Amino acid sequence: MSLANVLLVDDEVPFIETMTKRLEKRGLTITAAFSGTEALKTLEKDSSIEVVILDVKMPQMDGIEALKRIKAEYPLVEVIMLTGHATVETGIEGMKLGAFDYLMKPCEMDVLLAKVKEAASKKRAHEEKIIEARMKEITSRRA
Protein backbone atom coordinates (compact mmCIF):
# COMPACT_ATOMS: atom_id res chain seq x y z
CA MET A 1 0.00 0.00 0.00
CA SER A 2 1.13 3.53 -0.78
CA LEU A 3 2.19 5.80 2.08
CA ALA A 4 -0.09 8.46 0.59
CA ASN A 5 -1.95 9.28 -2.60
CA VAL A 6 -0.59 12.65 -3.78
CA LEU A 7 -1.54 15.13 -6.50
CA LEU A 8 1.53 17.11 -7.60
CA VAL A 9 0.59 20.44 -9.23
CA ASP A 10 3.18 22.59 -11.01
CA ASP A 11 3.41 24.22 -14.43
CA GLU A 12 7.07 23.19 -14.81
CA VAL A 13 7.20 19.78 -16.55
CA PRO A 14 10.84 18.94 -15.59
CA PHE A 15 10.03 19.68 -11.93
CA ILE A 16 7.00 17.35 -12.03
CA GLU A 17 8.98 14.59 -13.73
CA THR A 18 11.87 14.76 -11.24
CA MET A 19 9.63 15.03 -8.17
CA THR A 20 7.38 12.18 -9.34
CA LYS A 21 10.39 9.83 -9.65
CA ARG A 22 11.82 10.89 -6.29
CA LEU A 23 8.52 10.63 -4.41
CA GLU A 24 7.43 7.33 -5.99
CA LYS A 25 10.79 5.82 -4.95
CA ARG A 26 9.82 6.72 -1.38
CA GLY A 27 6.49 4.89 -1.53
CA LEU A 28 4.04 7.61 -2.55
CA THR A 29 1.48 7.30 -5.34
CA ILE A 30 1.78 10.41 -7.52
CA THR A 31 -0.69 11.92 -9.96
CA ALA A 32 0.47 15.01 -11.87
CA ALA A 33 -1.40 18.12 -12.95
CA PHE A 34 0.16 21.07 -14.79
CA SER A 35 -2.33 23.80 -13.75
CA GLY A 36 -4.82 24.67 -11.04
CA THR A 37 -7.69 23.92 -13.43
CA GLU A 38 -6.27 20.49 -14.25
CA ALA A 39 -5.79 19.82 -10.51
CA LEU A 40 -9.49 20.52 -9.82
CA LYS A 41 -10.56 18.22 -12.68
CA THR A 42 -8.26 15.48 -11.34
CA LEU A 43 -9.69 15.80 -7.80
CA GLU A 44 -13.21 15.57 -9.24
CA LYS A 45 -12.33 12.25 -10.93
CA ASP A 46 -10.09 10.70 -8.25
CA SER A 47 -11.49 10.63 -4.71
CA SER A 48 -8.48 8.64 -3.43
CA ILE A 49 -6.18 11.71 -3.45
CA GLU A 50 -5.26 12.66 0.12
CA VAL A 51 -2.64 15.37 -0.28
CA VAL A 52 -2.03 18.05 -2.91
CA ILE A 53 1.47 19.50 -3.33
CA LEU A 54 0.68 22.81 -4.97
CA ASP A 55 2.99 25.35 -6.60
CA VAL A 56 2.11 28.96 -5.79
CA LYS A 57 3.28 30.65 -9.01
CA MET A 58 1.38 29.32 -12.04
CA PRO A 59 -0.18 31.00 -15.06
CA GLN A 60 -4.00 31.42 -15.28
CA MET A 61 -4.99 30.14 -11.81
CA ASP A 62 -2.26 30.70 -9.21
CA GLY A 63 -1.73 28.44 -6.21
CA ILE A 64 -3.68 30.65 -3.79
CA GLU A 65 -6.76 30.62 -6.05
CA ALA A 66 -6.38 26.85 -6.58
CA LEU A 67 -6.07 26.37 -2.78
CA LYS A 68 -9.31 28.33 -2.19
CA ARG A 69 -11.17 26.18 -4.74
CA ILE A 70 -9.71 22.89 -3.45
CA LYS A 71 -10.62 23.72 0.16
CA ALA A 72 -14.13 24.83 -0.86
CA GLU A 73 -14.85 21.70 -2.92
CA TYR A 74 -12.70 19.07 -1.13
CA PRO A 75 -12.32 20.28 2.46
CA LEU A 76 -10.68 17.08 3.75
CA VAL A 77 -7.90 17.07 1.12
CA GLU A 78 -4.74 18.48 2.67
CA VAL A 79 -2.67 20.98 0.66
CA ILE A 80 1.06 21.65 0.96
CA MET A 81 2.06 24.89 -0.78
CA LEU A 82 5.43 24.93 -2.59
CA THR A 83 7.15 27.94 -4.05
CA GLY A 84 10.45 29.21 -5.31
CA HIS A 85 9.19 32.74 -4.77
CA ALA A 86 8.20 32.51 -1.14
CA THR A 87 6.99 35.60 0.57
CA VAL A 88 5.88 35.64 4.16
CA GLU A 89 2.57 37.21 3.08
CA THR A 90 1.76 34.42 0.64
CA GLY A 91 2.67 31.82 3.25
CA ILE A 92 0.44 33.42 5.85
CA GLU A 93 -2.40 33.79 3.33
CA GLY A 94 -2.07 30.13 2.33
CA MET A 95 -2.14 28.98 5.95
CA LYS A 96 -5.20 31.17 6.69
CA LEU A 97 -6.96 29.60 3.71
CA GLY A 98 -6.37 26.12 5.08
CA ALA A 99 -3.03 24.97 3.65
CA PHE A 100 -1.48 22.21 5.76
CA ASP A 101 1.98 23.72 5.36
CA TYR A 102 4.17 25.92 3.21
CA LEU A 103 7.61 24.93 1.88
CA MET A 104 10.33 26.65 -0.17
CA LYS A 105 11.60 25.21 -3.45
CA PRO A 106 13.88 23.40 -3.63
CA CYS A 107 12.86 21.65 -0.43
CA GLU A 108 14.57 18.79 1.35
CA MET A 109 13.01 15.53 0.19
CA ASP A 110 12.87 14.18 3.77
CA VAL A 111 11.07 17.32 4.97
CA LEU A 112 8.54 17.12 2.13
CA LEU A 113 8.00 13.39 2.71
CA ALA A 114 7.42 13.96 6.45
CA LYS A 115 4.90 16.74 5.70
CA VAL A 116 3.04 14.54 3.19
CA LYS A 117 2.83 11.69 5.74
CA GLU A 118 1.54 14.10 8.43
CA ALA A 119 -1.01 15.59 6.04
CA ALA A 120 -2.25 12.15 4.91
CA SER A 121 -2.59 11.04 8.55
CA LYS A 122 -4.60 14.16 9.36
CA LYS A 123 -6.97 13.52 6.43
CA ARG A 124 -7.41 9.86 7.40
CA ALA A 125 -8.13 10.82 11.03
CA HIS A 126 -10.80 13.32 9.89
CA GLU A 127 -12.41 10.68 7.68
CA GLU A 128 -12.45 8.16 10.54
CA LYS A 129 -14.15 10.69 12.84
CA ILE A 130 -16.80 11.36 10.19
CA ILE A 131 -17.42 7.63 9.71
CA GLU A 132 -17.66 7.10 13.49
CA ALA A 133 -20.13 9.99 13.80
CA ARG A 134 -22.26 8.58 10.97
CA MET A 135 -22.19 5.10 12.53
CA LYS A 136 -23.33 6.53 15.89
CA GLU A 137 -26.09 8.42 14.11
CA ILE A 138 -27.28 5.26 12.31
CA THR A 139 -27.11 3.04 15.41
CA SER A 140 -28.87 5.63 17.60
CA ARG A 141 -31.79 5.78 15.13
CA ARG A 142 -32.33 2.05 15.57
CA ALA A 143 -32.49 2.23 19.35
C-alpha atoms as a PDB file:
ATOM      1  CA  MET A   1       0.000   0.000   0.000  1.00  0.00           C
ATOM      2  CA  SER A   2       1.128   3.530  -0.781  1.00  0.00           C
ATOM      3  CA  LEU A   3       2.190   5.804   2.083  1.00  0.00           C
ATOM      4  CA  ALA A   4      -0.085   8.464   0.593  1.00  0.00           C
ATOM      5  CA  ASN A   5      -1.950   9.279  -2.595  1.00  0.00           C
ATOM      6  CA  VAL A   6      -0.594  12.646  -3.781  1.00  0.00           C
ATOM      7  CA  LEU A   7      -1.537  15.127  -6.500  1.00  0.00           C
ATOM      8  CA  LEU A   8       1.527  17.114  -7.596  1.00  0.00           C
ATOM      9  CA  VAL A   9       0.592  20.440  -9.232  1.00  0.00           C
ATOM     10  CA  ASP A  10       3.181  22.592 -11.008  1.00  0.00           C
ATOM     11  CA  ASP A  11       3.410  24.219 -14.433  1.00  0.00           C
ATOM     12  CA  GLU A  12       7.069  23.186 -14.815  1.00  0.00           C
ATOM     13  CA  VAL A  13       7.195  19.783 -16.553  1.00  0.00           C
ATOM     14  CA  PRO A  14      10.836  18.942 -15.592  1.00  0.00           C
ATOM     15  CA  PHE A  15      10.029  19.681 -11.927  1.00  0.00           C
ATOM     16  CA  ILE A  16       6.995  17.353 -12.027  1.00  0.00           C
ATOM     17  CA  GLU A  17       8.985  14.588 -13.730  1.00  0.00           C
ATOM     18  CA  THR A  18      11.867  14.759 -11.238  1.00  0.00           C
ATOM     19  CA  MET A  19       9.627  15.027  -8.166  1.00  0.00           C
ATOM     20  CA  THR A  20       7.382  12.176  -9.342  1.00  0.00           C
ATOM     21  CA  LYS A  21      10.388   9.832  -9.651  1.00  0.00           C
ATOM     22  CA  ARG A  22      11.822  10.892  -6.292  1.00  0.00           C
ATOM     23  CA  LEU A  23       8.518  10.631  -4.406  1.00  0.00           C
ATOM     24  CA  GLU A  24       7.432   7.330  -5.994  1.00  0.00           C
ATOM     25  CA  LYS A  25      10.794   5.816  -4.955  1.00  0.00           C
ATOM     26  CA  ARG A  26       9.817   6.718  -1.383  1.00  0.00           C
ATOM     27  CA  GLY A  27       6.494   4.894  -1.527  1.00  0.00           C
ATOM     28  CA  LEU A  28       4.037   7.608  -2.550  1.00  0.00           C
ATOM     29  CA  THR A  29       1.485   7.301  -5.339  1.00  0.00           C
ATOM     30  CA  ILE A  30       1.781  10.412  -7.518  1.00  0.00           C
ATOM     31  CA  THR A  31      -0.694  11.919  -9.960  1.00  0.00           C
ATOM     32  CA  ALA A  32       0.472  15.006 -11.872  1.00  0.00           C
ATOM     33  CA  ALA A  33      -1.404  18.124 -12.950  1.00  0.00           C
ATOM     34  CA  PHE A  34       0.156  21.075 -14.787  1.00  0.00           C
ATOM     35  CA  SER A  35      -2.328  23.796 -13.752  1.00  0.00           C
ATOM     36  CA  GLY A  36      -4.821  24.671 -11.036  1.00  0.00           C
ATOM     37  CA  THR A  37      -7.691  23.921 -13.429  1.00  0.00           C
ATOM     38  CA  GLU A  38      -6.271  20.488 -14.249  1.00  0.00           C
ATOM     39  CA  ALA A  39      -5.789  19.817 -10.512  1.00  0.00           C
ATOM     40  CA  LEU A  40      -9.485  20.515  -9.816  1.00  0.00           C
ATOM     41  CA  LYS A  41     -10.556  18.222 -12.680  1.00  0.00           C
ATOM     42  CA  THR A  42      -8.262  15.476 -11.339  1.00  0.00           C
ATOM     43  CA  LEU A  43      -9.690  15.804  -7.801  1.00  0.00           C
ATOM     44  CA  GLU A  44     -13.207  15.572  -9.244  1.00  0.00           C
ATOM     45  CA  LYS A  45     -12.332  12.248 -10.932  1.00  0.00           C
ATOM     46  CA  ASP A  46     -10.087  10.704  -8.251  1.00  0.00           C
ATOM     47  CA  SER A  47     -11.487  10.628  -4.714  1.00  0.00           C
ATOM     48  CA  SER A  48      -8.477   8.642  -3.427  1.00  0.00           C
ATOM     49  CA  ILE A  49      -6.182  11.712  -3.452  1.00  0.00           C
ATOM     50  CA  GLU A  50      -5.260  12.657   0.117  1.00  0.00           C
ATOM     51  CA  VAL A  51      -2.637  15.373  -0.278  1.00  0.00           C
ATOM     52  CA  VAL A  52      -2.028  18.052  -2.912  1.00  0.00           C
ATOM     53  CA  ILE A  53       1.470  19.496  -3.328  1.00  0.00           C
ATOM     54  CA  LEU A  54       0.681  22.808  -4.972  1.00  0.00           C
ATOM     55  CA  ASP A  55       2.987  25.349  -6.603  1.00  0.00           C
ATOM     56  CA  VAL A  56       2.107  28.963  -5.794  1.00  0.00           C
ATOM     57  CA  LYS A  57       3.279  30.650  -9.014  1.00  0.00           C
ATOM     58  CA  MET A  58       1.375  29.316 -12.036  1.00  0.00           C
ATOM     59  CA  PRO A  59      -0.176  31.004 -15.060  1.00  0.00           C
ATOM     60  CA  GLN A  60      -4.000  31.424 -15.281  1.00  0.00           C
ATOM     61  CA  MET A  61      -4.986  30.139 -11.812  1.00  0.00           C
ATOM     62  CA  ASP A  62      -2.256  30.700  -9.206  1.00  0.00           C
ATOM     63  CA  GLY A  63      -1.734  28.436  -6.208  1.00  0.00           C
ATOM     64  CA  ILE A  64      -3.683  30.646  -3.791  1.00  0.00           C
ATOM     65  CA  GLU A  65      -6.762  30.623  -6.052  1.00  0.00           C
ATOM     66  CA  ALA A  66      -6.384  26.849  -6.577  1.00  0.00           C
ATOM     67  CA  LEU A  67      -6.071  26.371  -2.785  1.00  0.00           C
ATOM     68  CA  LYS A  68      -9.312  28.331  -2.194  1.00  0.00           C
ATOM     69  CA  ARG A  69     -11.174  26.180  -4.739  1.00  0.00           C
ATOM     70  CA  ILE A  70      -9.713  22.887  -3.449  1.00  0.00           C
ATOM     71  CA  LYS A  71     -10.616  23.724   0.165  1.00  0.00           C
ATOM     72  CA  ALA A  72     -14.133  24.831  -0.859  1.00  0.00           C
ATOM     73  CA  GLU A  73     -14.846  21.698  -2.917  1.00  0.00           C
ATOM     74  CA  TYR A  74     -12.702  19.069  -1.134  1.00  0.00           C
ATOM     75  CA  PRO A  75     -12.317  20.284   2.462  1.00  0.00           C
ATOM     76  CA  LEU A  76     -10.682  17.078   3.746  1.00  0.00           C
ATOM     77  CA  VAL A  77      -7.905  17.065   1.119  1.00  0.00           C
ATOM     78  CA  GLU A  78      -4.739  18.484   2.669  1.00  0.00           C
ATOM     79  CA  VAL A  79      -2.674  20.980   0.656  1.00  0.00           C
ATOM     80  CA  ILE A  80       1.056  21.652   0.961  1.00  0.00           C
ATOM     81  CA  MET A  81       2.062  24.887  -0.781  1.00  0.00           C
ATOM     82  CA  LEU A  82       5.429  24.929  -2.591  1.00  0.00           C
ATOM     83  CA  THR A  83       7.148  27.942  -4.049  1.00  0.00           C
ATOM     84  CA  GLY A  84      10.452  29.207  -5.310  1.00  0.00           C
ATOM     85  CA  HIS A  85       9.194  32.744  -4.773  1.00  0.00           C
ATOM     86  CA  ALA A  86       8.199  32.514  -1.140  1.00  0.00           C
ATOM     87  CA  THR A  87       6.994  35.603   0.570  1.00  0.00           C
ATOM     88  CA  VAL A  88       5.883  35.641   4.163  1.00  0.00           C
ATOM     89  CA  GLU A  89       2.573  37.213   3.082  1.00  0.00           C
ATOM     90  CA  THR A  90       1.758  34.421   0.638  1.00  0.00           C
ATOM     91  CA  GLY A  91       2.670  31.824   3.247  1.00  0.00           C
ATOM     92  CA  ILE A  92       0.439  33.421   5.850  1.00  0.00           C
ATOM     93  CA  GLU A  93      -2.402  33.795   3.335  1.00  0.00           C
ATOM     94  CA  GLY A  94      -2.071  30.127   2.332  1.00  0.00           C
ATOM     95  CA  MET A  95      -2.142  28.976   5.952  1.00  0.00           C
ATOM     96  CA  LYS A  96      -5.203  31.171   6.691  1.00  0.00           C
ATOM     97  CA  LEU A  97      -6.955  29.596   3.705  1.00  0.00           C
ATOM     98  CA  GLY A  98      -6.368  26.121   5.082  1.00  0.00           C
ATOM     99  CA  ALA A  99      -3.031  24.970   3.649  1.00  0.00           C
ATOM    100  CA  PHE A 100      -1.485  22.209   5.763  1.00  0.00           C
ATOM    101  CA  ASP A 101       1.985  23.715   5.364  1.00  0.00           C
ATOM    102  CA  TYR A 102       4.170  25.920   3.209  1.00  0.00           C
ATOM    103  CA  LEU A 103       7.614  24.929   1.885  1.00  0.00           C
ATOM    104  CA  MET A 104      10.326  26.649  -0.166  1.00  0.00           C
ATOM    105  CA  LYS A 105      11.595  25.206  -3.454  1.00  0.00           C
ATOM    106  CA  PRO A 106      13.883  23.395  -3.628  1.00  0.00           C
ATOM    107  CA  CYS A 107      12.862  21.653  -0.427  1.00  0.00           C
ATOM    108  CA  GLU A 108      14.570  18.792   1.346  1.00  0.00           C
ATOM    109  CA  MET A 109      13.009  15.531   0.187  1.00  0.00           C
ATOM    110  CA  ASP A 110      12.867  14.180   3.771  1.00  0.00           C
ATOM    111  CA  VAL A 111      11.069  17.322   4.970  1.00  0.00           C
ATOM    112  CA  LEU A 112       8.535  17.118   2.130  1.00  0.00           C
ATOM    113  CA  LEU A 113       8.003  13.392   2.715  1.00  0.00           C
ATOM    114  CA  ALA A 114       7.419  13.957   6.453  1.00  0.00           C
ATOM    115  CA  LYS A 115       4.900  16.740   5.700  1.00  0.00           C
ATOM    116  CA  VAL A 116       3.043  14.540   3.192  1.00  0.00           C
ATOM    117  CA  LYS A 117       2.829  11.693   5.735  1.00  0.00           C
ATOM    118  CA  GLU A 118       1.543  14.097   8.431  1.00  0.00           C
ATOM    119  CA  ALA A 119      -1.009  15.588   6.036  1.00  0.00           C
ATOM    120  CA  ALA A 120      -2.249  12.154   4.906  1.00  0.00           C
ATOM    121  CA  SER A 121      -2.585  11.037   8.549  1.00  0.00           C
ATOM    122  CA  LYS A 122      -4.600  14.164   9.359  1.00  0.00           C
ATOM    123  CA  LYS A 123      -6.969  13.523   6.428  1.00  0.00           C
ATOM    124  CA  ARG A 124      -7.413   9.863   7.404  1.00  0.00           C
ATOM    125  CA  ALA A 125      -8.134  10.824  11.031  1.00  0.00           C
ATOM    126  CA  HIS A 126     -10.795  13.323   9.889  1.00  0.00           C
ATOM    127  CA  GLU A 127     -12.412  10.681   7.677  1.00  0.00           C
ATOM    128  CA  GLU A 128     -12.445   8.156  10.544  1.00  0.00           C
ATOM    129  CA  LYS A 129     -14.145  10.690  12.843  1.00  0.00           C
ATOM    130  CA  ILE A 130     -16.800  11.365  10.189  1.00  0.00           C
ATOM    131  CA  ILE A 131     -17.420   7.631   9.714  1.00  0.00           C
ATOM    132  CA  GLU A 132     -17.662   7.104  13.495  1.00  0.00           C
ATOM    133  CA  ALA A 133     -20.133   9.987  13.805  1.00  0.00           C
ATOM    134  CA  ARG A 134     -22.262   8.576  10.974  1.00  0.00           C
ATOM    135  CA  MET A 135     -22.189   5.100  12.529  1.00  0.00           C
ATOM    136  CA  LYS A 136     -23.332   6.527  15.894  1.00  0.00           C
ATOM    137  CA  GLU A 137     -26.090   8.415  14.113  1.00  0.00           C
ATOM    138  CA  ILE A 138     -27.277   5.260  12.307  1.00  0.00           C
ATOM    139  CA  THR A 139     -27.114   3.045  15.405  1.00  0.00           C
ATOM    140  CA  SER A 140     -28.868   5.634  17.599  1.00  0.00           C
ATOM    141  CA  ARG A 141     -31.787   5.783  15.129  1.00  0.00           C
ATOM    142  CA  ARG A 142     -32.331   2.050  15.566  1.00  0.00           C
ATOM    143  CA  ALA A 143     -32.490   2.235  19.349  1.00  0.00           C
END
